[in-house]
Amino acid sequence: MTQQVDAASEVRADNRRLLAKLLVVAVGMFGFGFALVPFYEKICQVTGINNLFRPDTVVNTQVDQQRLVTVQFDANLRSELPWRFAPEQRVMQVHPGQLVQVVYDIENTGSRPIVGQAIPSYGPTRAAEFFSKLECFCFAQQTFQSGEKRRMPVVFVIDPALPADIHTITLSYSFFEVAGTAAAAKPQS
C-alpha cells in the first residue's frame, strides 16, 4: 500500500513539474511573440521596408549642388495583371536634398475592375534608407476600372547623407493584384 501511495505522489510530483515546464514554455513563447515586434520593426528600418505604405519625413532640406545622383525608374507587373505600367521618365539626374517629382502612367487594359498595390524596392538596397518618398501611389491600394488610365506622381528626396560611393539608385515598383478585392473594385451602380 505504501508503494502505491509513493507511486501516486511521485506521479503527482512529475505532473506538477511537467505543468511548470509547460507554463514556462508558454510564457516564453508569449514573450517571444512580443519581442518579435521591435525585432521586425528594426529589420524593416534597416531594409527600408518600414516606409512602404506611409509618407516619409524629411529632416535635412539642404540641397547638395556639388553632387549628382542618377535615379533610374522601373515598373513591373505580375504576369496575370492586365495593366500597362511605366514611368514617364526612365532616368533622371538629381541633387541630394532636391525635391523631385516623377510620374508613372498606369492603365487597366482588362475587361474588369481591379484593385492593385505597388511595392517599391531599391537598388542598391542600402540606398533605401536615404530615399524618402513624400507622396506615392504605393501608399494605398489603387482601384482601376476597365479601360481607366491615370498619371500617378511620386515625390521624393534623396538624403544628402547618401554615401559618396552610391552614384546610381534604381527605384523599382512591382504592381500586384490585391486578392479578395474583386467585389470592392466593382463600380457603384
Protein backbone atom coordinates (compact mmCIF):
# COMPACT_ATOMS: atom_id res chain seq x y z
CA MET A 1 0.00 0.00 0.00
CA THR A 2 2.86 2.33 0.81
CA GLN A 3 4.31 1.64 -2.61
CA GLN A 4 1.01 2.68 -4.24
CA VAL A 5 0.91 5.91 -2.22
CA ASP A 6 4.54 6.63 -3.04
CA ALA A 7 3.93 5.89 -6.73
CA ALA A 8 0.81 8.12 -6.79
CA SER A 9 2.61 11.01 -5.08
CA GLU A 10 5.56 10.55 -7.44
CA VAL A 11 3.18 10.74 -10.44
CA ARG A 12 1.59 13.90 -8.99
CA ALA A 13 5.03 15.43 -8.47
CA ASP A 14 6.01 14.53 -12.06
CA ASN A 15 2.76 16.08 -13.31
CA ARG A 16 3.43 19.30 -11.36
CA ARG A 17 6.96 19.51 -12.79
CA LEU A 18 5.60 18.92 -16.29
CA LEU A 19 2.91 21.59 -15.76
CA ALA A 20 5.54 24.05 -14.52
CA LYS A 21 7.74 23.35 -17.55
CA LEU A 22 4.79 23.79 -19.91
CA LEU A 23 3.83 27.08 -18.23
CA VAL A 24 7.40 28.34 -18.57
CA VAL A 25 7.41 27.36 -22.27
CA ALA A 26 4.02 29.06 -22.84
CA VAL A 27 5.13 32.26 -21.08
CA GLY A 28 8.41 32.16 -23.04
CA MET A 29 6.55 31.80 -26.34
CA PHE A 30 4.22 34.65 -25.41
CA GLY A 31 7.21 36.85 -24.52
CA PHE A 32 8.99 35.86 -27.74
CA GLY A 33 5.90 36.97 -29.68
CA PHE A 34 6.13 40.41 -28.10
CA ALA A 35 9.90 40.55 -28.66
CA LEU A 36 9.37 39.93 -32.39
CA VAL A 37 7.60 43.30 -32.83
CA PRO A 38 10.64 45.52 -32.17
CA PHE A 39 12.85 42.98 -33.97
CA TYR A 40 10.57 43.17 -37.05
CA GLU A 41 10.48 46.99 -36.87
CA LYS A 42 14.29 47.10 -36.75
CA ILE A 43 14.57 44.80 -39.78
CA CYS A 44 12.07 46.98 -41.65
CA GLN A 45 14.01 50.11 -40.72
CA VAL A 46 17.32 48.67 -41.88
CA THR A 47 15.92 47.33 -45.17
CA GLY A 48 13.71 50.34 -45.91
CA ILE A 49 10.53 48.30 -45.82
CA ASN A 50 9.02 50.31 -42.97
CA ASN A 51 8.14 53.17 -45.29
CA LEU A 52 6.14 51.18 -47.81
CA PHE A 53 2.71 52.47 -47.01
CA ARG A 54 3.20 55.87 -45.42
CA PRO A 55 4.98 59.09 -46.33
CA ASP A 56 8.45 59.74 -45.01
CA THR A 57 9.51 62.88 -43.23
CA VAL A 58 12.44 64.92 -44.43
CA VAL A 59 14.73 66.42 -41.81
CA ASN A 60 17.61 67.85 -43.84
CA THR A 61 16.42 70.28 -46.54
CA GLN A 62 19.86 71.34 -47.75
CA VAL A 63 20.47 70.66 -51.46
CA ASP A 64 23.94 69.38 -52.31
CA GLN A 65 24.59 71.28 -55.57
CA GLN A 66 28.06 69.73 -55.88
CA ARG A 67 26.78 66.21 -56.35
CA LEU A 68 24.51 64.45 -58.84
CA VAL A 69 22.94 61.04 -58.38
CA THR A 70 21.45 59.12 -61.29
CA VAL A 71 17.99 57.76 -60.44
CA GLN A 72 16.58 55.02 -62.65
CA PHE A 73 12.86 54.26 -62.63
CA ASP A 74 11.49 50.79 -63.28
CA ALA A 75 7.95 49.38 -63.43
CA ASN A 76 6.89 45.71 -63.25
CA LEU A 77 3.58 43.85 -63.25
CA ARG A 78 2.54 40.40 -62.15
CA SER A 79 2.10 38.46 -65.39
CA GLU A 80 -1.66 38.00 -64.93
CA LEU A 81 -2.32 41.70 -64.21
CA PRO A 82 -3.79 43.25 -67.41
CA TRP A 83 -2.33 46.71 -66.92
CA ARG A 84 0.15 48.95 -68.66
CA PHE A 85 2.54 50.46 -66.17
CA ALA A 86 5.56 52.61 -66.97
CA PRO A 87 7.42 55.69 -65.74
CA GLU A 88 7.17 58.73 -68.00
CA GLN A 89 10.89 59.24 -67.50
CA ARG A 90 13.29 56.28 -67.14
CA VAL A 91 16.40 58.12 -65.88
CA MET A 92 16.93 61.42 -64.06
CA GLN A 93 19.89 63.30 -62.57
CA VAL A 94 19.10 64.51 -59.04
CA HIS A 95 20.97 66.62 -56.49
CA PRO A 96 20.73 65.09 -52.99
CA GLY A 97 18.30 67.19 -50.95
CA GLN A 98 16.39 68.30 -54.07
CA LEU A 99 12.59 67.80 -54.05
CA VAL A 100 11.75 65.76 -57.16
CA GLN A 101 8.53 64.57 -58.79
CA VAL A 102 8.23 61.76 -61.33
CA VAL A 103 5.06 60.41 -62.89
CA TYR A 104 4.05 56.84 -63.68
CA ASP A 105 1.37 56.06 -66.27
CA ILE A 106 -0.99 53.25 -65.38
CA GLU A 107 -3.85 51.80 -67.46
CA ASN A 108 -6.20 48.89 -66.83
CA THR A 109 -6.41 47.15 -70.23
CA GLY A 110 -8.57 44.35 -68.85
CA SER A 111 -12.34 43.92 -69.00
CA ARG A 112 -12.95 44.10 -65.25
CA PRO A 113 -12.17 46.46 -62.38
CA ILE A 114 -9.00 45.53 -60.48
CA VAL A 115 -7.51 46.60 -57.14
CA GLY A 116 -3.72 46.65 -57.13
CA GLN A 117 -0.91 47.53 -54.75
CA ALA A 118 2.54 48.73 -55.77
CA ILE A 119 5.54 47.59 -53.75
CA PRO A 120 8.76 49.62 -54.09
CA SER A 121 12.27 48.26 -53.98
CA TYR A 122 15.65 49.94 -54.29
CA GLY A 123 18.95 49.12 -55.82
CA PRO A 124 21.37 49.12 -54.15
CA THR A 125 19.38 48.01 -51.11
CA ARG A 126 21.32 50.24 -48.72
CA ALA A 127 20.12 53.33 -50.65
CA ALA A 128 16.59 52.72 -49.33
CA GLU A 129 17.25 54.46 -46.02
CA PHE A 130 18.35 57.62 -47.88
CA PHE A 131 15.40 57.67 -50.31
CA SER A 132 12.40 59.47 -48.78
CA LYS A 133 9.04 59.33 -50.57
CA LEU A 134 6.72 62.17 -49.57
CA GLU A 135 3.92 61.27 -51.98
CA CYS A 136 3.46 57.93 -53.71
CA PHE A 137 0.73 55.83 -55.26
CA CYS A 138 2.32 52.93 -53.38
CA PHE A 139 0.97 54.20 -50.05
CA ALA A 140 -2.53 52.89 -50.82
CA GLN A 141 -4.29 50.24 -52.86
CA GLN A 142 -5.35 51.51 -56.27
CA THR A 143 -8.68 50.61 -57.87
CA PHE A 144 -8.78 50.85 -61.67
CA GLN A 145 -11.97 50.39 -63.65
CA SER A 146 -11.77 48.65 -67.03
CA GLY A 147 -10.03 50.97 -69.50
CA GLU A 148 -9.16 53.57 -66.83
CA LYS A 149 -5.87 55.48 -67.24
CA ARG A 150 -4.07 57.56 -64.64
CA ARG A 151 -0.90 59.56 -64.24
CA MET A 152 0.33 58.93 -60.72
CA PRO A 153 3.11 61.01 -59.10
CA VAL A 154 5.94 60.04 -56.82
CA VAL A 155 7.51 62.93 -54.89
CA PHE A 156 10.83 62.13 -53.26
CA VAL A 157 14.05 63.50 -51.78
CA ILE A 158 17.40 61.77 -51.60
CA ASP A 159 19.09 62.49 -48.28
CA PRO A 160 22.39 64.38 -48.71
CA ALA A 161 23.88 61.85 -46.26
CA LEU A 162 23.75 59.24 -49.06
CA PRO A 163 27.15 57.50 -49.06
CA ALA A 164 29.52 59.00 -51.63
CA ASP A 165 30.12 55.63 -53.30
CA ILE A 166 26.46 55.42 -54.40
CA HIS A 167 26.17 57.16 -57.76
CA THR A 168 23.07 55.41 -59.13
CA ILE A 169 19.82 54.42 -57.42
CA THR A 170 17.13 52.31 -59.04
CA LEU A 171 13.56 52.80 -57.80
CA SER A 172 11.56 49.80 -58.94
CA TYR A 173 7.84 49.26 -58.43
CA SER A 174 6.06 45.93 -58.76
CA PHE A 175 2.26 46.05 -59.03
CA PHE A 176 0.28 43.09 -57.69
CA GLU A 177 -3.44 42.43 -57.75
CA VAL A 178 -4.84 42.50 -54.21
CA ALA A 179 -6.51 39.14 -53.62
CA GLY A 180 -10.09 39.12 -52.36
CA THR A 181 -10.96 42.64 -53.52
CA ALA A 182 -12.99 41.84 -56.68
CA ALA A 183 -16.28 42.85 -55.03
CA ALA A 184 -14.81 46.12 -53.73
CA ALA A 185 -13.48 47.01 -57.19
CA LYS A 186 -16.88 46.81 -58.91
CA PRO A 187 -18.25 50.21 -59.92
CA GLN A 188 -21.15 51.56 -57.87
CA SER A 189 -24.47 51.50 -59.79
